[in-house]
């Protein structure tokens, strides 16, 4: 697992702990690891 994947997973866990249910964003090259992490989370990415 790369550092960007580890960081993305930590961000997702933090957002879930804060009760976030949905996030909005524009997927792109620099955010792909974060977008991938949303797939396995309870947070909806729009």
C-alpha atoms as a PDB file:
ATOM      1  CA  UNK A   1       0.000   0.000   0.000  1.00  0.00           C
ATOM      2  CA  UNK A   2       1.417   3.373  -0.970  1.00  0.00           C
ATOM      3  CA  UNK A   3       1.637   6.425   1.275  1.00  0.00           C
ATOM      4  CA  UNK A   4      -1.128   8.147  -0.702  1.00  0.00           C
ATOM      5  CA  UNK A   5      -3.447   5.176  -0.055  1.00  0.00           C
ATOM      6  CA  UNK A   6      -2.608   5.227   3.651  1.00  0.00           C
ATOM      7  CA  UNK A   7      -3.323   8.952   3.800  1.00  0.00           C
ATOM      8  CA  UNK A   8      -6.578   8.558   1.854  1.00  0.00           C
ATOM      9  CA  UNK A   9      -7.757   5.852   4.252  1.00  0.00           C
ATOM     10  CA  UNK A  10      -6.955   8.054   7.249  1.00  0.00           C
ATOM     11  CA  UNK A  11      -8.945  10.924   5.711  1.00  0.00           C
ATOM     12  CA  UNK A  12     -11.914   8.609   5.117  1.00  0.00           C
ATOM     13  CA  UNK A  13     -11.795   7.256   8.689  1.00  0.00           C
ATOM     14  CA  UNK A  14     -11.687  10.821  10.045  1.00  0.00           C
ATOM     15  CA  UNK A  15     -14.657  11.907   7.920  1.00  0.00           C
ATOM     16  CA  UNK A  16     -16.661   8.842   8.973  1.00  0.00           C
ATOM     17  CA  UNK A  17     -15.866   9.557  12.630  1.00  0.00           C
ATOM     18  CA  UNK A  18     -17.198  13.090  12.157  1.00  0.00           C
ATOM     19  CA  UNK A  19     -20.481  11.741  10.773  1.00  0.00           C
ATOM     20  CA  UNK A  20     -19.948  12.860   7.181  1.00  0.00           C
ATOM     21  CA  UNK A  21     -22.369  11.067   4.850  1.00  0.00           C
ATOM     22  CA  UNK A  22     -21.692  12.722   1.492  1.00  0.00           C
ATOM     23  CA  UNK A  23     -18.842  14.681  -0.107  1.00  0.00           C
ATOM     24  CA  UNK A  24     -18.680  16.590  -3.363  1.00  0.00           C
ATOM     25  CA  UNK A  25     -15.619  16.805  -5.573  1.00  0.00           C
ATOM     26  CA  UNK A  26     -14.068  16.569  -9.001  1.00  0.00           C
ATOM     27  CA  UNK A  27     -12.115  13.346  -9.529  1.00  0.00           C
ATOM     28  CA  UNK A  28      -8.697  13.750 -11.065  1.00  0.00           C
ATOM     29  CA  UNK A  29      -5.183  12.398 -11.175  1.00  0.00           C
ATOM     30  CA  UNK A  30      -4.084  13.842  -7.853  1.00  0.00           C
ATOM     31  CA  UNK A  31      -7.174  12.615  -5.974  1.00  0.00           C
ATOM     32  CA  UNK A  32      -7.555   9.094  -7.381  1.00  0.00           C
ATOM     33  CA  UNK A  33      -6.386   7.359  -4.201  1.00  0.00           C
ATOM     34  CA  UNK A  34      -8.945   9.346  -2.213  1.00  0.00           C
ATOM     35  CA  UNK A  35     -11.680   8.523  -4.730  1.00  0.00           C
ATOM     36  CA  UNK A  36     -10.749   4.828  -4.517  1.00  0.00           C
ATOM     37  CA  UNK A  37     -10.953   4.945  -0.725  1.00  0.00           C
ATOM     38  CA  UNK A  38     -14.545   6.220  -0.900  1.00  0.00           C
ATOM     39  CA  UNK A  39     -15.576   2.984  -2.666  1.00  0.00           C
ATOM     40  CA  UNK A  40     -15.072   0.936   0.504  1.00  0.00           C
ATOM     41  CA  UNK A  41     -16.507   3.554   2.853  1.00  0.00           C
ATOM     42  CA  UNK A  42     -19.985   4.522   4.001  1.00  0.00           C
ATOM     43  CA  UNK A  43     -19.524   8.010   2.524  1.00  0.00           C
ATOM     44  CA  UNK A  44     -21.163   8.832  -0.795  1.00  0.00           C
ATOM     45  CA  UNK A  45     -18.895  10.675  -3.266  1.00  0.00           C
ATOM     46  CA  UNK A  46     -20.735  12.992  -5.665  1.00  0.00           C
END
